[in-house]
Amino acid sequence: MFNVGELAVYPAHGVGMIEAVEDKKIGGADHTFYILRILENDMIIMIPTTNAESVGLRHVIGDKDVSQVFSILRDHDVIIETQTWNRRYRDYMKKIKTGSVFEVAQVLRDLYLLKTDKELSFGERKMLDTAQNLLVKEISIARQAPEEDVAAELEGIFNA
């Protein structure tokens, strides 16, 4: 599925580089692992190749998907459910952990819209930053554009 040197997205951690594919003996059984270095923080993650799809490891999105992400972000005609912040936080965290760029875009949009109505909790502010960082990194790689430009474009969508 992935080769050394390829970029891949790991749910909730973002874009990383496949640095190696290694065989290891664990519990008497041989397993093959992708060694993924997350670009944002140099974290190393070992992912069994047999579980890569089930844990959500995926390729960086393409142009068509970037357009769809921006469509989600521009859709401000959504109803944010009125629930407690901790219930919202759990729901949003579940979406981020799916690894779907579209779910992450929904979380970012919803938190930005919620922020215009009321102050976000500390956890929600951190989650907004996380969702924004995940999207900025992946979109900048997909478009081969500077992260600052992508971040400014996202800001423009919500501050227009």
Protein backbone atom coordinates (compact mmCIF):
# COMPACT_ATOMS: atom_id res chain seq x y z
CA MET A 1 0.00 0.00 0.00
CA PHE A 2 2.79 2.48 0.90
CA ASN A 3 6.44 2.72 -0.10
CA VAL A 4 9.42 4.24 1.70
CA GLY A 5 9.50 7.99 1.04
CA GLU A 6 5.74 8.33 0.51
CA LEU A 7 3.60 10.71 2.51
CA ALA A 8 0.68 9.25 4.44
CA VAL A 9 -1.93 10.62 6.83
CA TYR A 10 -2.39 9.00 10.23
CA PRO A 11 -5.67 9.89 12.01
CA ALA A 12 -5.46 12.63 14.64
CA HIS A 13 -1.69 13.02 14.08
CA GLY A 14 -1.58 14.28 10.52
CA VAL A 15 0.81 13.87 7.63
CA GLY A 16 3.91 11.75 8.00
CA MET A 17 6.65 10.24 5.86
CA ILE A 18 7.03 6.48 5.54
CA GLU A 19 10.67 6.15 6.59
CA ALA A 20 10.94 2.38 6.50
CA VAL A 21 9.11 -0.90 6.23
CA GLU A 22 10.51 -3.25 8.88
CA ASP A 23 9.97 -6.85 9.90
CA LYS A 24 9.87 -7.51 13.65
CA LYS A 25 9.25 -10.62 15.70
CA ILE A 26 6.62 -9.95 18.35
CA GLY A 27 5.28 -12.70 20.59
CA GLY A 28 7.00 -15.30 18.45
CA ALA A 29 5.26 -14.14 15.27
CA ASP A 30 6.75 -12.14 12.41
CA HIS A 31 5.06 -8.83 11.61
CA THR A 32 5.78 -6.12 9.04
CA PHE A 33 5.48 -2.48 10.12
CA TYR A 34 5.42 0.89 8.42
CA ILE A 35 7.68 3.31 10.29
CA LEU A 36 5.94 6.69 9.97
CA ARG A 37 7.52 9.97 11.09
CA ILE A 38 4.89 12.67 11.67
CA LEU A 39 6.04 15.89 9.98
CA GLU A 40 4.53 18.23 12.57
CA ASN A 41 6.41 16.92 15.62
CA ASP A 42 8.85 14.15 14.49
CA MET A 43 6.84 11.53 16.38
CA ILE A 44 7.57 7.98 15.17
CA ILE A 45 4.63 5.60 14.81
CA MET A 46 4.91 1.91 13.98
CA ILE A 47 1.87 0.65 12.10
CA PRO A 48 1.40 -3.03 11.28
CA THR A 49 1.02 -3.22 7.49
CA THR A 50 -1.88 -5.63 7.93
CA ASN A 51 -3.75 -3.04 10.05
CA ALA A 52 -2.86 0.08 8.06
CA GLU A 53 -6.28 0.42 6.47
CA SER A 54 -8.25 -0.40 9.61
CA VAL A 55 -6.39 2.25 11.66
CA GLY A 56 -7.12 4.82 8.96
CA LEU A 57 -3.68 5.28 7.38
CA ARG A 58 -4.32 6.86 4.00
CA HIS A 59 -2.72 8.81 1.17
CA VAL A 60 -2.73 12.62 1.12
CA ILE A 61 -5.83 14.01 -0.60
CA GLY A 62 -5.91 15.18 -4.21
CA ASP A 63 -7.19 18.37 -5.86
CA LYS A 64 -10.79 17.16 -6.10
CA ASP A 65 -10.84 16.43 -2.37
CA VAL A 66 -9.30 19.83 -1.57
CA SER A 67 -12.22 21.47 -3.38
CA GLN A 68 -14.68 19.37 -1.38
CA VAL A 69 -12.95 20.36 1.89
CA PHE A 70 -13.34 24.04 0.99
CA SER A 71 -17.01 23.45 0.12
CA ILE A 72 -17.55 22.00 3.59
CA LEU A 73 -15.77 24.94 5.21
CA ARG A 74 -17.78 27.51 3.22
CA ASP A 75 -21.13 25.91 4.11
CA HIS A 76 -22.14 28.10 7.04
CA ASP A 77 -25.81 27.09 6.85
CA VAL A 78 -25.45 24.27 9.34
CA ILE A 79 -27.20 23.87 12.64
CA ILE A 80 -24.87 23.32 15.57
CA GLU A 81 -26.60 21.09 18.08
CA THR A 82 -27.10 22.62 21.48
CA GLN A 83 -25.43 20.16 23.77
CA THR A 84 -22.97 20.44 26.62
CA TRP A 85 -19.39 21.29 25.70
CA ASN A 86 -18.08 17.92 26.90
CA ARG A 87 -20.59 16.00 24.75
CA ARG A 88 -19.66 18.18 21.76
CA TYR A 89 -15.98 17.62 22.53
CA ARG A 90 -16.45 13.81 22.52
CA ASP A 91 -18.37 13.93 19.23
CA TYR A 92 -15.77 16.15 17.59
CA MET A 93 -12.88 14.02 18.88
CA LYS A 94 -14.54 10.95 17.38
CA LYS A 95 -14.68 12.73 14.01
CA ILE A 96 -11.01 13.75 14.18
CA LYS A 97 -9.96 10.21 15.05
CA THR A 98 -11.67 8.83 11.92
CA GLY A 99 -8.85 10.35 9.91
CA SER A 100 -11.30 11.64 7.32
CA VAL A 101 -10.24 15.04 6.06
CA PHE A 102 -13.92 15.83 5.50
CA GLU A 103 -14.82 15.06 9.13
CA VAL A 104 -11.92 17.23 10.31
CA ALA A 105 -13.20 20.04 8.05
CA GLN A 106 -16.66 19.71 9.64
CA VAL A 107 -15.15 19.98 13.12
CA LEU A 108 -13.18 23.09 12.16
CA ARG A 109 -16.21 24.72 10.54
CA ASP A 110 -18.53 23.89 13.46
CA LEU A 111 -16.10 25.18 16.08
CA TYR A 112 -15.45 28.40 14.13
CA LEU A 113 -19.20 28.97 13.81
CA LEU A 114 -19.76 28.16 17.47
CA LYS A 115 -17.00 30.60 18.40
CA THR A 116 -18.99 33.45 16.86
CA ASP A 117 -21.91 32.74 19.23
CA LYS A 118 -20.12 31.98 22.47
CA GLU A 119 -16.75 31.45 24.04
CA LEU A 120 -15.26 28.01 23.45
CA SER A 121 -14.07 25.87 26.35
CA PHE A 122 -10.33 25.28 26.69
CA GLY A 123 -10.72 21.79 25.18
CA GLU A 124 -12.71 23.14 22.24
CA ARG A 125 -10.10 25.83 21.56
CA LYS A 126 -7.38 23.17 21.53
CA MET A 127 -9.48 21.02 19.23
CA LEU A 128 -10.06 23.95 16.87
CA ASP A 129 -6.28 24.44 16.70
CA THR A 130 -5.73 20.73 16.13
CA ALA A 131 -8.30 20.54 13.33
CA GLN A 132 -6.87 23.67 11.71
CA ASN A 133 -3.29 22.37 11.91
CA LEU A 134 -4.28 19.00 10.43
CA LEU A 135 -6.08 20.66 7.52
CA VAL A 136 -3.44 23.30 6.85
CA LYS A 137 -0.64 20.72 6.71
CA GLU A 138 -2.50 18.31 4.42
CA ILE A 139 -3.92 20.97 2.08
CA SER A 140 -0.54 22.69 1.77
CA ILE A 141 1.05 19.38 0.77
CA ALA A 142 -1.81 18.51 -1.60
CA ARG A 143 -1.56 21.91 -3.30
CA GLN A 144 2.20 22.25 -2.92
CA ALA A 145 1.57 25.65 -1.38
CA PRO A 146 3.07 27.35 1.69
CA GLU A 147 1.26 26.56 4.93
CA GLU A 148 0.94 30.29 5.68
CA ASP A 149 -1.06 30.80 2.46
CA VAL A 150 -3.41 27.92 3.26
CA ALA A 151 -3.86 29.15 6.85
CA ALA A 152 -4.68 32.65 5.58
CA GLU A 153 -7.20 31.21 3.11
CA LEU A 154 -8.92 29.25 5.91
CA GLU A 155 -9.02 32.34 8.11
CA GLY A 156 -10.55 34.28 5.23
CA ILE A 157 -13.41 31.80 4.93
CA PHE A 158 -14.47 32.40 8.53
CA ASN A 159 -13.66 36.09 8.84
CA ALA A 160 -15.43 37.17 5.66
